Amino acid sequence: MANLKDIQRQIKSVSNTQKTTRAMKLVSTAKLRRAEELAKRSRLYAQKMNQVIAEIAGRIECSKIGGIENRCFTQIENPSMVDIVFVTADKGLCGGFNIQTIKAVKSLLKEYKEKNVKVRLRGIGKKGVEFFKYNETEMFDTVIDLSSKPEKDRSDEFIMTSIEDYKDGKIDGLHIIYNGFKNMMTQELHVNQVLPVDTAEYDCDKSQTSSMLEVEAEDEERMLDSLVNRYVEYNMYYSLIDSVAAEHSARMQAMDTATNNAKDMVKSLNVEFNKARQAAITTELIEIISGVESMK
């Protein structure tokens, strides 16, 4: 039979853990409300920006507009080197939030390795960076404290290296991988090809008649470059915003589960404690009765 003091010690320890996880859940819930609001406000702009860029790329591809030869809108059949940018959290205790992103990165790395394509891995977030460093995966560059506190200027500075290298022909593709916010209970993994702009879903015949957008050969290269820069920069920034909202959502769920598990464990330990105490009392009563009987 377990020692009563040991059981009491376990009950106290688990109860303290339960208080901690409940507090962490409340903190994550409060942070989630602010992050969710920002993500929702930013999502519509990001979607419209992506639609406009995809349509411009599609029109250039379909119409073969003379004079427009922007590398960002040109599909590259046999890439030699690509950039993969991933976003993970700086902290843990958020369930499988980080591991889902890491698995997606590993899968894409494997895919490019099989095609003999070199990859420059660029990491944002302590958990993902530490994982790949521990597994001795070569990384081009890393940022530790940006995913927990997204800043537009730092985000733009980070992604600008990939933009310029793509335009200069040093790399032939750019992917951004992150775990985004879907709702309070669900996160959604995103593996986005940002450059070159994907035109696979663009319907030339339908869009030519339904769209109000016009792309002319006289459109200045600087204007298209500026638009592409803003498109990539905002995709990077939005991925950080969306990721931090998803992180708080995942941590809230993880801490809620941990709190409930601790509660169940305390109940189980209380039952065990009562059984042990009852057994001890029964043993003492038997000893007393036996002693009295022996004195008769």
Protein backbone atom coordinates (compact mmCIF):
# COMPACT_ATOMS: atom_id res chain seq x y z
CA MET A 1 0.00 0.00 0.00
CA ALA A 2 1.30 3.45 -0.90
CA ASN A 3 2.56 5.72 1.87
CA LEU A 4 -0.02 8.38 2.84
CA LYS A 5 2.57 11.15 2.94
CA ASP A 6 3.81 10.28 -0.56
CA ILE A 7 0.27 10.42 -1.93
CA GLN A 8 -0.35 13.76 -0.22
CA ARG A 9 2.87 15.07 -1.72
CA GLN A 10 1.77 13.95 -5.21
CA ILE A 11 -1.65 15.55 -4.76
CA LYS A 12 -0.06 18.86 -3.78
CA SER A 13 2.37 18.72 -6.70
CA VAL A 14 -0.33 17.95 -9.29
CA SER A 15 -2.62 20.62 -7.81
CA ASN A 16 0.14 23.21 -8.19
CA THR A 17 0.66 22.10 -11.79
CA GLN A 18 -3.07 22.43 -12.39
CA LYS A 19 -3.01 26.02 -11.11
CA THR A 20 -0.08 26.83 -13.41
CA THR A 21 -1.67 25.33 -16.53
CA ARG A 22 -4.98 27.08 -15.78
CA ALA A 23 -3.17 30.41 -15.49
CA MET A 24 -1.28 29.78 -18.75
CA LYS A 25 -4.56 28.96 -20.48
CA LEU A 26 -6.07 32.27 -19.34
CA VAL A 27 -3.00 34.19 -20.52
CA SER A 28 -3.10 32.49 -23.93
CA THR A 29 -6.84 33.18 -24.21
CA ALA A 30 -6.29 36.89 -23.61
CA LYS A 31 -3.39 37.04 -26.10
CA LEU A 32 -5.39 35.05 -28.65
CA ARG A 33 -8.21 37.61 -28.71
CA ARG A 34 -5.82 40.40 -29.70
CA ALA A 35 -3.87 38.26 -32.19
CA GLU A 36 -7.05 36.85 -33.76
CA GLU A 37 -8.47 40.32 -34.33
CA LEU A 38 -5.27 41.46 -36.06
CA ALA A 39 -5.14 38.30 -38.18
CA LYS A 40 -8.75 38.71 -39.31
CA ARG A 41 -8.20 42.35 -40.28
CA SER A 42 -5.05 41.44 -42.24
CA ARG A 43 -6.44 38.34 -43.96
CA LEU A 44 -8.73 40.15 -46.42
CA TYR A 45 -5.94 42.47 -47.59
CA ALA A 46 -3.56 39.53 -48.02
CA GLN A 47 -6.16 37.57 -50.02
CA LYS A 48 -6.92 40.51 -52.33
CA MET A 49 -3.22 41.22 -52.83
CA ASN A 50 -2.59 37.59 -53.80
CA GLN A 51 -5.57 37.59 -56.18
CA VAL A 52 -4.36 40.71 -57.99
CA ILE A 53 -0.80 39.39 -58.33
CA ALA A 54 -2.02 35.98 -59.52
CA GLU A 55 -4.25 37.66 -62.12
CA ILE A 56 -1.42 39.86 -63.39
CA ALA A 57 0.81 36.78 -63.67
CA GLY A 58 -1.97 34.85 -65.41
CA ARG A 59 -2.64 37.61 -67.93
CA ILE A 60 1.04 37.92 -68.76
CA GLU A 61 1.28 34.15 -69.18
CA CYS A 62 -1.94 33.80 -71.22
CA SER A 63 -1.68 36.87 -73.41
CA LYS A 64 2.10 36.78 -73.85
CA ILE A 65 2.06 40.56 -73.59
CA GLY A 66 5.09 41.89 -75.42
CA GLY A 67 7.61 43.91 -73.51
CA ILE A 68 6.81 42.43 -70.12
CA GLU A 69 9.48 39.96 -69.03
CA ASN A 70 9.43 39.97 -65.26
CA ARG A 71 11.14 36.93 -63.71
CA CYS A 72 8.67 36.90 -60.82
CA PHE A 73 5.87 35.98 -63.25
CA THR A 74 7.84 33.36 -65.19
CA GLN A 75 7.46 29.68 -64.30
CA ILE A 76 10.89 28.02 -64.00
CA GLU A 77 10.83 24.40 -65.15
CA ASN A 78 14.17 23.20 -63.71
CA PRO A 79 15.11 25.24 -60.63
CA SER A 80 18.67 24.92 -59.35
CA MET A 81 18.22 26.58 -55.95
CA VAL A 82 15.20 27.64 -53.88
CA ASP A 83 14.57 29.38 -50.57
CA ILE A 84 12.37 27.79 -47.93
CA VAL A 85 11.28 30.14 -45.15
CA PHE A 86 9.53 28.57 -42.16
CA VAL A 87 7.83 30.11 -39.13
CA THR A 88 7.65 28.35 -35.76
CA ALA A 89 7.11 29.56 -32.20
CA ASP A 90 9.82 30.78 -29.85
CA LYS A 91 8.22 28.85 -26.97
CA GLY A 92 6.83 25.37 -26.46
CA LEU A 93 3.86 23.98 -24.50
CA CYS A 94 1.57 24.36 -27.52
CA GLY A 95 0.89 20.75 -28.47
CA GLY A 96 1.83 19.71 -32.00
CA PHE A 97 1.86 23.28 -33.32
CA ASN A 98 5.59 23.40 -34.11
CA ILE A 99 6.05 19.79 -35.18
CA GLN A 100 3.46 20.12 -37.96
CA THR A 101 5.48 22.94 -39.53
CA ILE A 102 8.74 21.04 -39.07
CA LYS A 103 7.29 17.94 -40.76
CA ALA A 104 6.16 20.04 -43.73
CA VAL A 105 9.63 21.58 -44.05
CA LYS A 106 11.30 18.16 -43.88
CA SER A 107 8.92 16.83 -46.55
CA LEU A 108 9.70 19.73 -48.91
CA LEU A 109 13.44 19.39 -48.26
CA LYS A 110 13.23 15.71 -49.15
CA GLU A 111 11.26 16.47 -52.31
CA TYR A 112 13.84 18.96 -53.56
CA LYS A 113 16.73 16.70 -52.58
CA GLU A 114 15.28 13.95 -54.78
CA LYS A 115 15.20 16.44 -57.65
CA ASN A 116 18.82 17.49 -56.97
CA VAL A 117 17.71 21.05 -56.20
CA LYS A 118 19.74 22.98 -53.64
CA VAL A 119 17.80 24.59 -50.78
CA ARG A 120 18.59 27.61 -48.65
CA LEU A 121 16.70 27.04 -45.40
CA ARG A 122 15.72 30.25 -43.60
CA GLY A 123 14.19 29.89 -40.15
CA ILE A 124 12.03 32.11 -37.96
CA GLY A 125 11.30 30.90 -34.43
CA LYS A 126 13.44 29.27 -31.75
CA LYS A 127 11.75 25.85 -31.75
CA GLY A 128 12.20 25.17 -35.45
CA VAL A 129 15.71 26.63 -35.56
CA GLU A 130 16.83 24.50 -32.61
CA PHE A 131 15.33 21.37 -34.18
CA PHE A 132 17.19 21.73 -37.48
CA LYS A 133 20.43 22.75 -35.78
CA TYR A 134 20.21 19.71 -33.52
CA ASN A 135 19.70 17.50 -36.59
CA GLU A 136 22.70 19.20 -38.25
CA THR A 137 20.65 20.61 -41.13
CA GLU A 138 22.44 23.49 -42.79
CA MET A 139 20.60 26.80 -42.43
CA PHE A 140 21.15 29.94 -44.50
CA ASP A 141 20.02 32.36 -41.78
CA THR A 142 17.75 32.46 -38.71
CA VAL A 143 15.74 34.88 -36.58
CA ILE A 144 14.74 33.99 -33.03
CA ASP A 145 12.46 36.69 -31.59
CA LEU A 146 10.35 37.71 -34.60
CA SER A 147 7.60 35.08 -34.56
CA SER A 148 6.50 35.96 -31.01
CA LYS A 149 6.50 39.71 -31.74
CA PRO A 150 5.85 40.32 -35.46
CA GLU A 151 7.25 43.65 -36.69
CA LYS A 152 6.66 44.81 -40.26
CA ASP A 153 10.06 46.50 -40.69
CA ARG A 154 12.04 43.49 -39.47
CA SER A 155 9.86 41.13 -41.50
CA ASP A 156 10.45 43.18 -44.68
CA GLU A 157 14.19 43.29 -44.02
CA PHE A 158 14.34 39.53 -43.52
CA ILE A 159 12.45 38.57 -46.69
CA MET A 160 14.07 41.21 -48.90
CA THR A 161 17.18 39.01 -49.23
CA SER A 162 15.11 36.32 -50.96
CA ILE A 163 13.32 38.86 -53.17
CA GLU A 164 16.53 40.43 -54.43
CA ASP A 165 18.26 37.07 -54.91
CA TYR A 166 15.29 35.80 -56.92
CA LYS A 167 15.29 38.83 -59.18
CA ASP A 168 19.07 38.49 -59.63
CA GLY A 169 18.71 34.83 -60.58
CA LYS A 170 20.54 33.45 -57.53
CA ILE A 171 17.49 31.42 -56.52
CA ASP A 172 14.61 30.06 -58.59
CA GLY A 173 11.84 29.83 -56.03
CA LEU A 174 10.59 30.98 -52.64
CA HIS A 175 8.31 29.04 -50.29
CA ILE A 176 6.86 30.18 -46.95
CA ILE A 177 5.71 27.44 -44.55
CA TYR A 178 3.78 28.17 -41.36
CA ASN A 179 0.91 26.92 -39.20
CA GLY A 180 -1.92 29.44 -39.42
CA PHE A 181 -5.07 30.27 -37.48
CA LYS A 182 -8.34 28.75 -38.74
CA ASN A 183 -10.56 29.02 -35.68
CA MET A 184 -10.34 28.77 -31.89
CA MET A 185 -9.95 25.00 -32.05
CA THR A 186 -8.08 24.44 -35.31
CA GLN A 187 -4.79 25.43 -36.92
CA GLU A 188 -4.19 25.18 -40.66
CA LEU A 189 -0.81 24.34 -42.19
CA HIS A 190 0.24 26.54 -45.13
CA VAL A 191 2.93 25.62 -47.67
CA ASN A 192 2.88 28.61 -50.02
CA GLN A 193 4.88 29.10 -53.20
CA VAL A 194 5.37 32.85 -53.20
CA LEU A 195 7.86 33.16 -56.08
CA PRO A 196 7.42 32.63 -58.94
CA VAL A 197 3.75 33.61 -58.74
CA ASP A 198 1.72 30.45 -59.35
CA THR A 199 -0.66 30.66 -62.35
CA ALA A 200 -1.78 27.02 -62.33
CA GLU A 201 -5.36 27.86 -61.28
CA TYR A 202 -5.73 30.84 -63.60
CA ASP A 203 -8.44 30.33 -66.25
CA CYS A 204 -7.42 32.34 -69.31
CA ASP A 205 -10.74 32.19 -71.19
CA LYS A 206 -12.95 32.95 -68.21
CA SER A 207 -10.80 35.68 -66.72
CA GLN A 208 -10.37 37.56 -70.00
CA THR A 209 -14.10 38.29 -70.12
CA SER A 210 -14.91 38.69 -66.43
CA SER A 211 -11.98 40.74 -65.10
CA MET A 212 -11.69 44.53 -65.04
CA LEU A 213 -7.89 44.33 -64.75
CA GLU A 214 -5.85 45.44 -67.75
CA VAL A 215 -2.13 44.76 -68.15
CA GLU A 216 -0.35 46.66 -70.90
CA ALA A 217 3.12 46.26 -72.34
CA GLU A 218 3.74 49.90 -71.46
CA ASP A 219 3.36 49.18 -67.73
CA GLU A 220 6.64 50.17 -66.19
CA GLU A 221 8.97 47.49 -64.88
CA ARG A 222 9.45 49.54 -61.72
CA MET A 223 5.74 49.46 -61.01
CA LEU A 224 5.60 45.67 -61.33
CA ASP A 225 8.75 45.30 -59.19
CA SER A 226 7.24 47.53 -56.51
CA LEU A 227 4.01 45.53 -56.58
CA VAL A 228 5.88 42.22 -56.33
CA ASN A 229 7.94 43.55 -53.41
CA ARG A 230 4.81 44.55 -51.54
CA TYR A 231 3.16 41.21 -52.34
CA VAL A 232 6.07 39.13 -50.97
CA GLU A 233 6.68 41.40 -47.98
CA TYR A 234 3.05 41.28 -46.93
CA ASN A 235 2.87 37.52 -47.39
CA MET A 236 5.83 37.24 -45.01
CA TYR A 237 4.33 39.63 -42.47
CA TYR A 238 0.88 38.04 -42.66
CA SER A 239 2.38 34.58 -42.09
CA LEU A 240 3.88 35.90 -38.84
CA ILE A 241 0.57 37.45 -37.73
CA ASP A 242 -1.40 34.34 -38.63
CA SER A 243 1.16 32.07 -36.97
CA VAL A 244 1.19 33.90 -33.64
CA ALA A 245 -2.63 33.72 -33.47
CA ALA A 246 -2.48 29.98 -34.20
CA GLU A 247 0.26 29.56 -31.57
CA HIS A 248 -1.89 31.11 -28.83
CA SER A 249 -4.84 28.99 -29.96
CA ALA A 250 -2.75 25.80 -29.82
CA ARG A 251 -1.28 26.71 -26.42
CA MET A 252 -4.74 27.51 -25.02
CA GLN A 253 -5.95 24.05 -26.08
CA ALA A 254 -2.82 22.33 -24.78
CA MET A 255 -3.09 24.05 -21.39
CA ASP A 256 -6.82 23.29 -21.20
CA THR A 257 -6.08 19.60 -21.83
CA ALA A 258 -3.24 19.66 -19.28
CA THR A 259 -5.53 21.29 -16.70
CA ASN A 260 -8.23 18.67 -17.22
CA ASN A 261 -5.68 15.86 -17.02
CA ALA A 262 -4.30 17.29 -13.78
CA LYS A 263 -7.83 17.53 -12.40
CA ASP A 264 -8.48 13.88 -13.25
CA MET A 265 -5.17 12.87 -11.70
CA VAL A 266 -5.98 14.71 -8.46
CA LYS A 267 -9.32 12.87 -8.29
CA SER A 268 -7.56 9.55 -8.85
CA LEU A 269 -4.94 10.34 -6.21
CA ASN A 270 -7.65 11.37 -3.71
CA VAL A 271 -9.38 8.03 -4.23
CA GLU A 272 -6.06 6.25 -3.73
CA PHE A 273 -5.37 8.34 -0.62
CA ASN A 274 -8.79 7.53 0.89
CA LYS A 275 -8.34 3.83 0.18
CA ALA A 276 -4.90 3.87 1.75
CA ARG A 277 -6.15 5.77 4.81
CA GLN A 278 -9.11 3.42 5.19
CA ALA A 279 -6.78 0.43 4.93
CA ALA A 280 -4.50 1.93 7.57
CA ILE A 281 -7.45 2.57 9.91
CA THR A 282 -8.75 -0.96 9.34
CA THR A 283 -5.30 -2.37 10.14
CA GLU A 284 -5.11 -0.33 13.35
CA LEU A 285 -8.60 -1.47 14.41
CA ILE A 286 -7.68 -5.10 13.77
CA GLU A 287 -4.53 -4.68 15.86
CA ILE A 288 -6.50 -3.08 18.71
CA ILE A 289 -9.19 -5.77 18.64
CA SER A 290 -6.53 -8.49 18.50
CA GLY A 291 -4.75 -6.95 21.46
CA VAL A 292 -7.96 -6.77 23.49
CA GLU A 293 -8.83 -10.35 22.63
CA SER A 294 -5.38 -11.54 23.64
CA MET A 295 -5.77 -9.91 27.09
CA LYS A 296 -8.99 -11.79 27.87
